[in-house]
């Protein structure tokens, strides 16, 4: 059951981690509550990072030229490898690396 204060805290733009700490539940439970309540995550949610998203040029340099993995790039920008993979896909850099390694 979703706590009555969940909507109020969710609208404060807290991260899923912060919400899970408040309610002493897993992040997965928070995700289920969000879906159950029909909420959509606002793109302006608070990030706990000290670096902005990398530019296409920065990602190109790290991923293509330095051959860094998504996990390594993620650790540099304090995000998950999944987030980095999303960035790479959005910027069409995954296709470049695939073409470059098949030669």
Protein backbone atom coordinates (compact mmCIF):
# COMPACT_ATOMS: atom_id res chain seq x y z
CA UNK A 1 0.00 0.00 0.00
CA UNK A 2 1.30 3.44 -0.94
CA UNK A 3 1.78 5.72 2.10
CA UNK A 4 -0.45 8.81 2.17
CA UNK A 5 2.58 11.14 2.26
CA UNK A 6 4.19 9.58 -0.81
CA UNK A 7 2.65 11.96 -3.35
CA UNK A 8 3.73 15.00 -1.34
CA UNK A 9 7.31 13.74 -1.07
CA UNK A 10 7.38 12.66 -4.70
CA UNK A 11 6.33 16.14 -5.81
CA UNK A 12 9.31 17.59 -3.91
CA UNK A 13 11.43 16.14 -6.73
CA UNK A 14 13.24 13.69 -4.47
CA UNK A 15 15.21 10.92 -6.11
CA UNK A 16 14.05 7.32 -5.87
CA UNK A 17 16.96 6.68 -3.50
CA UNK A 18 15.87 9.50 -1.20
CA UNK A 19 12.29 8.21 -1.25
CA UNK A 20 13.43 4.67 -0.49
CA UNK A 21 15.43 5.99 2.48
CA UNK A 22 12.42 7.93 3.81
CA UNK A 23 10.04 4.95 3.58
CA UNK A 24 12.64 2.27 4.35
CA UNK A 25 11.80 0.30 1.21
CA UNK A 26 13.73 -0.68 -1.91
CA UNK A 27 14.09 1.53 -4.96
CA UNK A 28 12.15 -1.14 -6.84
CA UNK A 29 9.21 -0.62 -4.43
CA UNK A 30 9.37 3.13 -5.05
CA UNK A 31 9.26 2.47 -8.80
CA UNK A 32 6.17 0.30 -8.32
CA UNK A 33 4.48 3.01 -6.24
CA UNK A 34 5.27 5.61 -8.90
CA UNK A 35 3.74 3.40 -11.57
CA UNK A 36 0.74 2.49 -9.39
CA UNK A 37 0.02 6.19 -8.72
CA UNK A 38 0.40 7.04 -12.41
CA UNK A 39 3.17 9.56 -11.79
CA UNK A 40 5.62 10.50 -14.48
CA UNK A 41 9.10 11.58 -13.51
CA UNK A 42 9.70 15.22 -14.22
CA UNK A 43 12.87 15.65 -16.26
CA UNK A 44 14.06 18.31 -13.83
CA UNK A 45 14.44 15.89 -10.93
CA UNK A 46 17.32 16.57 -8.60
CA UNK A 47 20.59 14.93 -9.57
CA UNK A 48 23.32 14.17 -7.11
CA UNK A 49 26.19 14.78 -9.45
CA UNK A 50 28.85 17.40 -9.56
CA UNK A 51 29.46 17.16 -13.31
CA UNK A 52 27.04 18.06 -16.10
CA UNK A 53 26.21 15.52 -18.79
CA UNK A 54 29.14 15.06 -21.18
CA UNK A 55 29.04 16.58 -24.63
CA UNK A 56 28.99 14.42 -27.75
CA UNK A 57 32.65 15.27 -28.28
CA UNK A 58 33.58 14.18 -24.74
CA UNK A 59 31.70 10.90 -25.12
CA UNK A 60 33.25 10.32 -28.54
CA UNK A 61 36.72 10.84 -27.10
CA UNK A 62 36.19 8.56 -24.09
CA UNK A 63 34.14 5.82 -25.78
CA UNK A 64 35.62 5.70 -29.29
CA UNK A 65 39.14 7.06 -29.02
CA UNK A 66 40.08 5.92 -25.50
CA UNK A 67 37.90 2.78 -25.77
CA UNK A 68 36.42 3.26 -22.29
CA UNK A 69 33.48 1.08 -21.29
CA UNK A 70 30.09 2.55 -20.38
CA UNK A 71 30.78 1.48 -16.79
CA UNK A 72 34.06 3.41 -16.67
CA UNK A 73 32.49 6.52 -18.21
CA UNK A 74 29.62 6.20 -15.73
CA UNK A 75 32.00 6.14 -12.79
CA UNK A 76 33.61 9.32 -14.13
CA UNK A 77 30.23 11.12 -14.31
CA UNK A 78 28.62 9.45 -11.26
CA UNK A 79 25.91 7.72 -13.28
CA UNK A 80 25.15 4.11 -14.11
CA UNK A 81 26.42 2.28 -17.17
CA UNK A 82 22.79 2.17 -18.34
CA UNK A 83 22.64 5.96 -18.35
CA UNK A 84 25.85 6.13 -20.36
CA UNK A 85 24.50 3.54 -22.80
CA UNK A 86 21.40 5.69 -23.24
CA UNK A 87 23.57 8.76 -23.95
CA UNK A 88 25.65 6.80 -26.47
CA UNK A 89 22.56 5.50 -28.23
CA UNK A 90 20.92 8.95 -28.36
CA UNK A 91 24.09 10.39 -29.90
CA UNK A 92 24.53 7.46 -32.33
CA UNK A 93 27.94 6.61 -30.93
CA UNK A 94 27.24 2.90 -30.42
CA UNK A 95 26.98 2.37 -34.17
CA UNK A 96 30.30 4.11 -34.79
CA UNK A 97 32.13 1.85 -32.35
CA UNK A 98 30.52 -1.27 -33.84
CA UNK A 99 31.60 -0.23 -37.34
CA UNK A 100 35.05 0.70 -36.11
CA UNK A 101 35.68 -2.63 -34.37
CA UNK A 102 34.52 -4.77 -37.28
CA UNK A 103 37.24 -3.49 -39.61
